[in-house]
C-alpha atoms as a PDB file:
ATOM      1  CA  MET A   1     104.296  89.016  24.301  1.00  0.00           C
ATOM      2  CA  ARG A   2     101.133  88.932  26.447  1.00  0.00           C
ATOM      3  CA  THR A   3      98.258  91.682  26.480  1.00  0.00           C
ATOM      4  CA  LEU A   4      97.922  92.224  30.247  1.00  0.00           C
ATOM      5  CA  VAL A   5      94.132  93.254  30.553  1.00  0.00           C
ATOM      6  CA  TRP A   6      93.598  95.813  33.995  1.00  0.00           C
ATOM      7  CA  ASP A   7      90.104  95.695  35.562  1.00  0.00           C
ATOM      8  CA  LYS A   8      89.174  99.132  36.792  1.00  0.00           C
ATOM      9  CA  THR A   9      90.401  98.710  41.005  1.00  0.00           C
ATOM     10  CA  PHE A  10      94.159  98.041  39.786  1.00  0.00           C
ATOM     11  CA  VAL A  11      93.923 100.961  37.630  1.00  0.00           C
ATOM     12  CA  LYS A  12      92.302 103.119  40.865  1.00  0.00           C
ATOM     13  CA  SER A  13      94.968 101.469  42.762  1.00  0.00           C
ATOM     14  CA  LEU A  14      98.339 102.017  40.736  1.00  0.00           C
ATOM     15  CA  LYS A  15      96.954 105.391  40.158  1.00  0.00           C
ATOM     16  CA  MET A  16      97.018 105.773  44.297  1.00  0.00           C
ATOM     17  CA  THR A  17     100.192 104.284  44.838  1.00  0.00           C
ATOM     18  CA  ILE A  18     101.826 106.601  42.024  1.00  0.00           C
ATOM     19  CA  ARG A  19     100.258 109.547  43.693  1.00  0.00           C
ATOM     20  CA  LYS A  20     101.625 108.773  47.051  1.00  0.00           C
ATOM     21  CA  ASN A  21     105.218 107.858  45.975  1.00  0.00           C
ATOM     22  CA  PRO A  22     106.025 109.172  42.928  1.00  0.00           C
ATOM     23  CA  LYS A  23     109.599 108.003  42.906  1.00  0.00           C
ATOM     24  CA  ASN A  24     108.827 104.857  42.555  1.00  0.00           C
ATOM     25  CA  LYS A  25     107.077 105.505  39.314  1.00  0.00           C
ATOM     26  CA  ARG A  26     109.390 104.173  37.237  1.00  0.00           C
ATOM     27  CA  ILE A  27     110.495 100.934  38.436  1.00  0.00           C
ATOM     28  CA  ILE A  28     106.538 100.017  38.642  1.00  0.00           C
ATOM     29  CA  GLU A  29     106.368 100.713  34.790  1.00  0.00           C
ATOM     30  CA  ASP A  30     109.644  98.843  34.882  1.00  0.00           C
ATOM     31  CA  GLU A  31     107.792  95.978  37.192  1.00  0.00           C
ATOM     32  CA  LEU A  32     104.833  95.894  34.359  1.00  0.00           C
ATOM     33  CA  LYS A  33     106.836  95.938  30.906  1.00  0.00           C
ATOM     34  CA  ASP A  34     108.743  92.584  32.021  1.00  0.00           C
ATOM     35  CA  LEU A  35     105.837  91.149  33.718  1.00  0.00           C
ATOM     36  CA  GLU A  36     103.788  91.928  30.040  1.00  0.00           C
ATOM     37  CA  ASN A  37     107.065  90.172  28.059  1.00  0.00           C
ATOM     38  CA  ASN A  38     107.767  87.399  30.110  1.00  0.00           C
ATOM     39  CA  PRO A  39     105.401  86.476  32.828  1.00  0.00           C
ATOM     40  CA  PHE A  40     107.307  83.871  34.679  1.00  0.00           C
ATOM     41  CA  ALA A  41     110.617  85.662  34.627  1.00  0.00           C
ATOM     42  CA  PRO A  42     113.575  84.585  37.594  1.00  0.00           C
ATOM     43  CA  SER A  43     113.657  88.770  38.730  1.00  0.00           C
ATOM     44  CA  LEU A  44     109.456  88.902  38.978  1.00  0.00           C
ATOM     45  CA  GLU A  45     109.802  86.618  42.039  1.00  0.00           C
ATOM     46  CA  THR A  46     106.249  85.139  41.277  1.00  0.00           C
ATOM     47  CA  HIS A  47     104.835  81.538  42.299  1.00  0.00           C
ATOM     48  CA  LYS A  48     101.751  78.881  41.872  1.00  0.00           C
ATOM     49  CA  LEU A  49      99.246  79.899  43.956  1.00  0.00           C
ATOM     50  CA  LYS A  50      98.398  77.943  47.235  1.00  0.00           C
ATOM     51  CA  GLY A  51      94.985  77.372  48.776  1.00  0.00           C
ATOM     52  CA  LYS A  52      91.764  76.378  47.428  1.00  0.00           C
ATOM     53  CA  LEU A  53      91.012  78.737  44.147  1.00  0.00           C
END
């Protein structure tokens, strides 16, 4: 299992999103747990980054 590291900007944005849409809190929590357990899970629909990094 991996550990997610959140910066201040992400935490602030997450709090604002949950405040605006409290119904989505459970969905967001589940997705973050899935990301922590298996970042390559098909349900997350991740993809390779493109362009100049």
